[in-house]
Amino acid sequence: MLTLFTGLQTWWADRTERFQEEQGATAVEYALMVALIAVVILLAVTFLGTSASTKFSQVGSAVNSAGS
């Protein structure tokens, strides 16, 4: 009976330790995902901003030349 209790106690301690380690890994994974999403958003905004600026310049030039 004592062997069973000791084995169960060891198993429970090991399980709680693994659970705590898994939570830490999950937090790191979420942080990496948030950082990656932020980088993708910044790149998209930069690309779209440059593209929109170029398009507005083209439209402005077309309006100016049409008005002349």
PDB file of N, CA and C in Angstrom:
ATOM      1  N   MET A   1       0.817  -1.191   0.000  1.00  0.00           N
ATOM      2  CA  MET A   1       0.000   0.000   0.000  1.00  0.00           C
ATOM      3  C   MET A   1       0.864   1.259   0.000  1.00  0.00           C
ATOM      4  N   LEU A   2       1.947   1.214   0.738  1.00  0.00           N
ATOM      5  CA  LEU A   2       2.845   2.367   0.798  1.00  0.00           C
ATOM      6  C   LEU A   2       3.488   2.612  -0.562  1.00  0.00           C
ATOM      7  N   THR A   3       3.814   1.545  -1.275  1.00  0.00           N
ATOM      8  CA  THR A   3       4.411   1.674  -2.603  1.00  0.00           C
ATOM      9  C   THR A   3       3.426   2.346  -3.559  1.00  0.00           C
ATOM     10  N   LEU A   4       2.177   1.977  -3.477  1.00  0.00           N
ATOM     11  CA  LEU A   4       1.147   2.584  -4.316  1.00  0.00           C
ATOM     12  C   LEU A   4       1.015   4.067  -4.007  1.00  0.00           C
ATOM     13  N   PHE A   5       0.990   4.421  -2.709  1.00  0.00           N
ATOM     14  CA  PHE A   5       0.878   5.824  -2.306  1.00  0.00           C
ATOM     15  C   PHE A   5       2.080   6.622  -2.781  1.00  0.00           C
ATOM     16  N   THR A   6       3.282   6.081  -2.627  1.00  0.00           N
ATOM     17  CA  THR A   6       4.498   6.761  -3.057  1.00  0.00           C
ATOM     18  C   THR A   6       4.511   6.945  -4.576  1.00  0.00           C
ATOM     19  N   GLY A   7       4.103   5.893  -5.295  1.00  0.00           N
ATOM     20  CA  GLY A   7       4.047   5.990  -6.751  1.00  0.00           C
ATOM     21  C   GLY A   7       3.051   7.035  -7.211  1.00  0.00           C
ATOM     22  N   LEU A   8       1.900   7.076  -6.547  1.00  0.00           N
ATOM     23  CA  LEU A   8       0.880   8.055  -6.893  1.00  0.00           C
ATOM     24  C   LEU A   8       1.349   9.463  -6.577  1.00  0.00           C
ATOM     25  N   GLN A   9       2.008   9.631  -5.463  1.00  0.00           N
ATOM     26  CA  GLN A   9       2.517  10.937  -5.076  1.00  0.00           C
ATOM     27  C   GLN A   9       3.584  11.414  -6.071  1.00  0.00           C
ATOM     28  N   THR A  10       4.456  10.523  -6.490  1.00  0.00           N
ATOM     29  CA  THR A  10       5.483  10.860  -7.469  1.00  0.00           C
ATOM     30  C   THR A  10       4.852  11.216  -8.808  1.00  0.00           C
ATOM     31  N   TRP A  11       3.872  10.421  -9.210  1.00  0.00           N
ATOM     32  CA  TRP A  11       3.185  10.691 -10.474  1.00  0.00           C
ATOM     33  C   TRP A  11       2.507  12.054 -10.440  1.00  0.00           C
ATOM     34  N   TRP A  12       1.842  12.393  -9.325  1.00  0.00           N
ATOM     35  CA  TRP A  12       1.133  13.657  -9.216  1.00  0.00           C
ATOM     36  C   TRP A  12       2.111  14.833  -9.231  1.00  0.00           C
ATOM     37  N   ALA A  13       3.229  14.701  -8.547  1.00  0.00           N
ATOM     38  CA  ALA A  13       4.233  15.771  -8.532  1.00  0.00           C
ATOM     39  C   ALA A  13       4.814  15.973  -9.936  1.00  0.00           C
ATOM     40  N   ASP A  14       5.075  14.884 -10.640  1.00  0.00           N
ATOM     41  CA  ASP A  14       5.588  14.968 -12.002  1.00  0.00           C
ATOM     42  C   ASP A  14       4.560  15.616 -12.920  1.00  0.00           C
ATOM     43  N   ARG A  15       3.313  15.255 -12.754  1.00  0.00           N
ATOM     44  CA  ARG A  15       2.239  15.803 -13.602  1.00  0.00           C
ATOM     45  C   ARG A  15       2.069  17.302 -13.373  1.00  0.00           C
ATOM     46  N   THR A  16       2.074  17.751 -12.139  1.00  0.00           N
ATOM     47  CA  THR A  16       1.920  19.184 -11.865  1.00  0.00           C
ATOM     48  C   THR A  16       3.112  19.969 -12.398  1.00  0.00           C
ATOM     49  N   GLU A  17       4.315  19.389 -12.303  1.00  0.00           N
ATOM     50  CA  GLU A  17       5.504  20.066 -12.834  1.00  0.00           C
ATOM     51  C   GLU A  17       5.406  20.200 -14.354  1.00  0.00           C
ATOM     52  N   ARG A  18       4.985  19.146 -15.023  1.00  0.00           N
ATOM     53  CA  ARG A  18       4.829  19.208 -16.475  1.00  0.00           C
ATOM     54  C   ARG A  18       3.764  20.216 -16.875  1.00  0.00           C
ATOM     55  N   PHE A  19       2.688  20.283 -16.118  1.00  0.00           N
ATOM     56  CA  PHE A  19       1.623  21.234 -16.418  1.00  0.00           C
ATOM     57  C   PHE A  19       2.138  22.666 -16.318  1.00  0.00           C
ATOM     58  N   GLN A  20       2.935  22.939 -15.308  1.00  0.00           N
ATOM     59  CA  GLN A  20       3.498  24.279 -15.146  1.00  0.00           C
ATOM     60  C   GLN A  20       4.459  24.598 -16.282  1.00  0.00           C
ATOM     61  N   GLU A  21       5.244  23.630 -16.721  1.00  0.00           N
ATOM     62  CA  GLU A  21       6.164  23.845 -17.835  1.00  0.00           C
ATOM     63  C   GLU A  21       5.392  24.098 -19.122  1.00  0.00           C
ATOM     64  N   GLU A  22       4.287  23.392 -19.328  1.00  0.00           N
ATOM     65  CA  GLU A  22       3.483  23.577 -20.529  1.00  0.00           C
ATOM     66  C   GLU A  22       2.864  24.957 -20.558  1.00  0.00           C
ATOM     67  N   GLN A  23       2.473  25.481 -19.431  1.00  0.00           N
ATOM     68  CA  GLN A  23       1.914  26.828 -19.394  1.00  0.00           C
ATOM     69  C   GLN A  23       2.969  27.850 -19.790  1.00  0.00           C
ATOM     70  N   GLY A  24       4.198  27.671 -19.345  1.00  0.00           N
ATOM     71  CA  GLY A  24       5.269  28.592 -19.709  1.00  0.00           C
ATOM     72  C   GLY A  24       5.550  28.554 -21.203  1.00  0.00           C
ATOM     73  N   ALA A  25       5.548  27.370 -21.776  1.00  0.00           N
ATOM     74  CA  ALA A  25       5.783  27.243 -23.211  1.00  0.00           C
ATOM     75  C   ALA A  25       4.641  27.870 -23.988  1.00  0.00           C
ATOM     76  N   THR A  26       3.435  27.739 -23.502  1.00  0.00           N
ATOM     77  CA  THR A  26       2.287  28.323 -24.176  1.00  0.00           C
ATOM     78  C   THR A  26       2.392  29.843 -24.182  1.00  0.00           C
ATOM     79  N   ALA A  27       2.823  30.432 -23.091  1.00  0.00           N
ATOM     80  CA  ALA A  27       2.971  31.884 -23.022  1.00  0.00           C
ATOM     81  C   ALA A  27       4.018  32.360 -24.025  1.00  0.00           C
ATOM     82  N   VAL A  28       5.095  31.623 -24.154  1.00  0.00           N
ATOM     83  CA  VAL A  28       6.134  31.983 -25.117  1.00  0.00           C
ATOM     84  C   VAL A  28       5.601  31.864 -26.536  1.00  0.00           C
ATOM     85  N   GLU A  29       4.852  30.816 -26.795  1.00  0.00           N
ATOM     86  CA  GLU A  29       4.276  30.646 -28.136  1.00  0.00           C
ATOM     87  C   GLU A  29       3.325  31.773 -28.469  1.00  0.00           C
ATOM     88  N   TYR A  30       2.489  32.184 -27.520  1.00  0.00           N
ATOM     89  CA  TYR A  30       1.579  33.303 -27.764  1.00  0.00           C
ATOM     90  C   TYR A  30       2.357  34.596 -28.020  1.00  0.00           C
ATOM     91  N   ALA A  31       3.411  34.818 -27.281  1.00  0.00           N
ATOM     92  CA  ALA A  31       4.218  36.023 -27.489  1.00  0.00           C
ATOM     93  C   ALA A  31       4.833  36.025 -28.886  1.00  0.00           C
ATOM     94  N   LEU A  32       5.319  34.869 -29.337  1.00  0.00           N
ATOM     95  CA  LEU A  32       5.879  34.793 -30.684  1.00  0.00           C
ATOM     96  C   LEU A  32       4.818  35.032 -31.747  1.00  0.00           C
ATOM     97  N   MET A  33       3.620  34.492 -31.534  1.00  0.00           N
ATOM     98  CA  MET A  33       2.543  34.710 -32.500  1.00  0.00           C
ATOM     99  C   MET A  33       2.160  36.186 -32.575  1.00  0.00           C
ATOM    100  N   VAL A  34       2.063  36.839 -31.432  1.00  0.00           N
ATOM    101  CA  VAL A  34       1.713  38.263 -31.408  1.00  0.00           C
ATOM    102  C   VAL A  34       2.791  39.079 -32.106  1.00  0.00           C
ATOM    103  N   ALA A  35       4.049  38.755 -31.870  1.00  0.00           N
ATOM    104  CA  ALA A  35       5.139  39.479 -32.529  1.00  0.00           C
ATOM    105  C   ALA A  35       5.105  39.271 -34.035  1.00  0.00           C
ATOM    106  N   LEU A  36       4.845  38.061 -34.477  1.00  0.00           N
ATOM    107  CA  LEU A  36       4.774  37.779 -35.911  1.00  0.00           C
ATOM    108  C   LEU A  36       3.602  38.511 -36.555  1.00  0.00           C
ATOM    109  N   ILE A  37       2.462  38.515 -35.900  1.00  0.00           N
ATOM    110  CA  ILE A  37       1.298  39.232 -36.425  1.00  0.00           C
ATOM    111  C   ILE A  37       1.593  40.723 -36.513  1.00  0.00           C
ATOM    112  N   ALA A  38       2.265  41.273 -35.514  1.00  0.00           N
ATOM    113  CA  ALA A  38       2.609  42.698 -35.530  1.00  0.00           C
ATOM    114  C   ALA A  38       3.535  43.019 -36.698  1.00  0.00           C
ATOM    115  N   VAL A  39       4.499  42.160 -36.961  1.00  0.00           N
ATOM    116  CA  VAL A  39       5.421  42.384 -38.074  1.00  0.00           C
ATOM    117  C   VAL A  39       4.667  42.335 -39.404  1.00  0.00           C
ATOM    118  N   VAL A  40       3.784  41.375 -39.553  1.00  0.00           N
ATOM    119  CA  VAL A  40       2.997  41.256 -40.791  1.00  0.00           C
ATOM    120  C   VAL A  40       2.126  42.494 -40.982  1.00  0.00           C
ATOM    121  N   ILE A  41       1.499  42.973 -39.916  1.00  0.00           N
ATOM    122  CA  ILE A  41       0.660  44.173 -40.016  1.00  0.00           C
ATOM    123  C   ILE A  41       1.503  45.385 -40.404  1.00  0.00           C
ATOM    124  N   LEU A  42       2.660  45.547 -39.782  1.00  0.00           N
ATOM    125  CA  LEU A  42       3.530  46.679 -40.121  1.00  0.00           C
ATOM    126  C   LEU A  42       3.974  46.627 -41.575  1.00  0.00           C
ATOM    127  N   LEU A  43       4.343  45.449 -42.040  1.00  0.00           N
ATOM    128  CA  LEU A  43       4.755  45.326 -43.442  1.00  0.00           C
ATOM    129  C   LEU A  43       3.594  45.624 -44.389  1.00  0.00           C
ATOM    130  N   ALA A  44       2.414  45.154 -44.068  1.00  0.00           N
ATOM    131  CA  ALA A  44       1.245  45.398 -44.912  1.00  0.00           C
ATOM    132  C   ALA A  44       0.893  46.881 -44.947  1.00  0.00           C
ATOM    133  N   VAL A  45       0.924  47.525 -43.808  1.00  0.00           N
ATOM    134  CA  VAL A  45       0.609  48.963 -43.756  1.00  0.00           C
ATOM    135  C   VAL A  45       1.653  49.766 -44.518  1.00  0.00           C
ATOM    136  N   THR A  46       2.910  49.395 -44.380  1.00  0.00           N
ATOM    137  CA  THR A  46       3.971  50.093 -45.108  1.00  0.00           C
ATOM    138  C   THR A  46       3.794  49.927 -46.605  1.00  0.00           C
ATOM    139  N   PHE A  47       3.546  48.701 -47.058  1.00  0.00           N
ATOM    140  CA  PHE A  47       3.365  48.449 -48.484  1.00  0.00           C
ATOM    141  C   PHE A  47       2.132  49.172 -49.018  1.00  0.00           C
ATOM    142  N   LEU A  48       1.017  49.060 -48.299  1.00  0.00           N
ATOM    143  CA  LEU A  48      -0.223  49.711 -48.750  1.00  0.00           C
ATOM    144  C   LEU A  48      -0.095  51.232 -48.711  1.00  0.00           C
ATOM    145  N   GLY A  49       0.603  51.756 -47.721  1.00  0.00           N
ATOM    146  CA  GLY A  49       0.813  53.202 -47.632  1.00  0.00           C
ATOM    147  C   GLY A  49       1.624  53.717 -48.806  1.00  0.00           C
ATOM    148  N   THR A  50       2.684  53.015 -49.162  1.00  0.00           N
ATOM    149  CA  THR A  50       3.515  53.404 -50.292  1.00  0.00           C
ATOM    150  C   THR A  50       2.732  53.285 -51.596  1.00  0.00           C
ATOM    151  N   SER A  51       1.992  52.198 -51.724  1.00  0.00           N
ATOM    152  CA  SER A  51       1.190  51.983 -52.925  1.00  0.00           C
ATOM    153  C   SER A  51       0.105  53.053 -53.051  1.00  0.00           C
ATOM    154  N   ALA A  52      -0.556  53.369 -51.958  1.00  0.00           N
ATOM    155  CA  ALA A  52      -1.606  54.384 -51.979  1.00  0.00           C
ATOM    156  C   ALA A  52      -1.020  55.759 -52.287  1.00  0.00           C
ATOM    157  N   SER A  53       0.134  56.058 -51.728  1.00  0.00           N
ATOM    158  CA  SER A  53       0.778  57.343 -51.998  1.00  0.00           C
ATOM    159  C   SER A  53       1.116  57.482 -53.471  1.00  0.00           C
ATOM    160  N   THR A  54       1.647  56.428 -54.061  1.00  0.00           N
ATOM    161  CA  THR A  54       1.972  56.445 -55.484  1.00  0.00           C
ATOM    162  C   THR A  54       0.711  56.638 -56.322  1.00  0.00           C
ATOM    163  N   LYS A  55      -0.337  55.936 -55.972  1.00  0.00           N
ATOM    164  CA  LYS A  55      -1.599  56.034 -56.725  1.00  0.00           C
ATOM    165  C   LYS A  55      -2.196  57.436 -56.598  1.00  0.00           C
ATOM    166  N   PHE A  56      -2.173  58.027 -55.415  1.00  0.00           N
ATOM    167  CA  PHE A  56      -2.687  59.383 -55.244  1.00  0.00           C
ATOM    168  C   PHE A  56      -1.864  60.393 -56.050  1.00  0.00           C
ATOM    169  N   SER A  57      -0.556  60.195 -56.110  1.00  0.00           N
ATOM    170  CA  SER A  57       0.291  61.085 -56.914  1.00  0.00           C
ATOM    171  C   SER A  57      -0.074  60.981 -58.392  1.00  0.00           C
ATOM    172  N   GLN A  58      -0.313  59.764 -58.869  1.00  0.00           N
ATOM    173  CA  GLN A  58      -0.704  59.573 -60.273  1.00  0.00           C
ATOM    174  C   GLN A  58      -2.048  60.241 -60.559  1.00  0.00           C
ATOM    175  N   VAL A  59      -2.997  60.073 -59.662  1.00  0.00           N
ATOM    176  CA  VAL A  59      -4.312  60.687 -59.852  1.00  0.00           C
ATOM    177  C   VAL A  59      -4.197  62.203 -59.800  1.00  0.00           C
ATOM    178  N   GLY A  60      -3.402  62.721 -58.878  1.00  0.00           N
ATOM    179  CA  GLY A  60      -3.208  64.172 -58.784  1.00  0.00           C
ATOM    180  C   GLY A  60      -2.584  64.734 -60.051  1.00  0.00           C
ATOM    181  N   SER A  61      -1.596  64.041 -60.586  1.00  0.00           N
ATOM    182  CA  SER A  61      -0.960  64.496 -61.820  1.00  0.00           C
ATOM    183  C   SER A  61      -1.949  64.445 -62.979  1.00  0.00           C
ATOM    184  N   ALA A  62      -2.782  63.423 -63.038  1.00  0.00           N
ATOM    185  CA  ALA A  62      -3.771  63.309 -64.103  1.00  0.00           C
ATOM    186  C   ALA A  62      -4.813  64.431 -64.005  1.00  0.00           C
ATOM    187  N   VAL A  63      -5.211  64.767 -62.800  1.00  0.00           N
ATOM    188  CA  VAL A  63      -6.189  65.844 -62.602  1.00  0.00           C
ATOM    189  C   VAL A  63      -5.579  67.184 -63.007  1.00  0.00           C
ATOM    190  N   ASN A  64      -4.327  67.411 -62.609  1.00  0.00           N
ATOM    191  CA  ASN A  64      -3.655  68.665 -62.950  1.00  0.00           C
ATOM    192  C   ASN A  64      -3.486  68.816 -64.457  1.00  0.00           C
ATOM    193  N   SER A  65      -3.097  67.734 -65.140  1.00  0.00           N
ATOM    194  CA  SER A  65      -2.884  67.819 -66.573  1.00  0.00           C
ATOM    195  C   SER A  65      -4.225  67.931 -67.317  1.00  0.00           C
ATOM    196  N   ALA A  66      -5.283  67.355 -66.791  1.00  0.00           N
ATOM    197  CA  ALA A  66      -6.592  67.448 -67.411  1.00  0.00           C
ATOM    198  C   ALA A  66      -7.179  68.852 -67.240  1.00  0.00           C
ATOM    199  N   GLY A  67      -6.844  69.515 -66.116  1.00  0.00           N
ATOM    200  CA  GLY A  67      -7.364  70.841 -65.862  1.00  0.00           C
ATOM    201  C   GLY A  67      -6.646  71.911 -66.651  1.00  0.00           C
ATOM    202  N   SER A  68      -5.480  71.642 -67.142  1.00  0.00           N
ATOM    203  CA  SER A  68      -4.695  72.635 -67.864  1.00  0.00           C
ATOM    204  C   SER A  68      -5.114  72.808 -69.292  1.00  0.00           C
TER     205      SER A  68
END
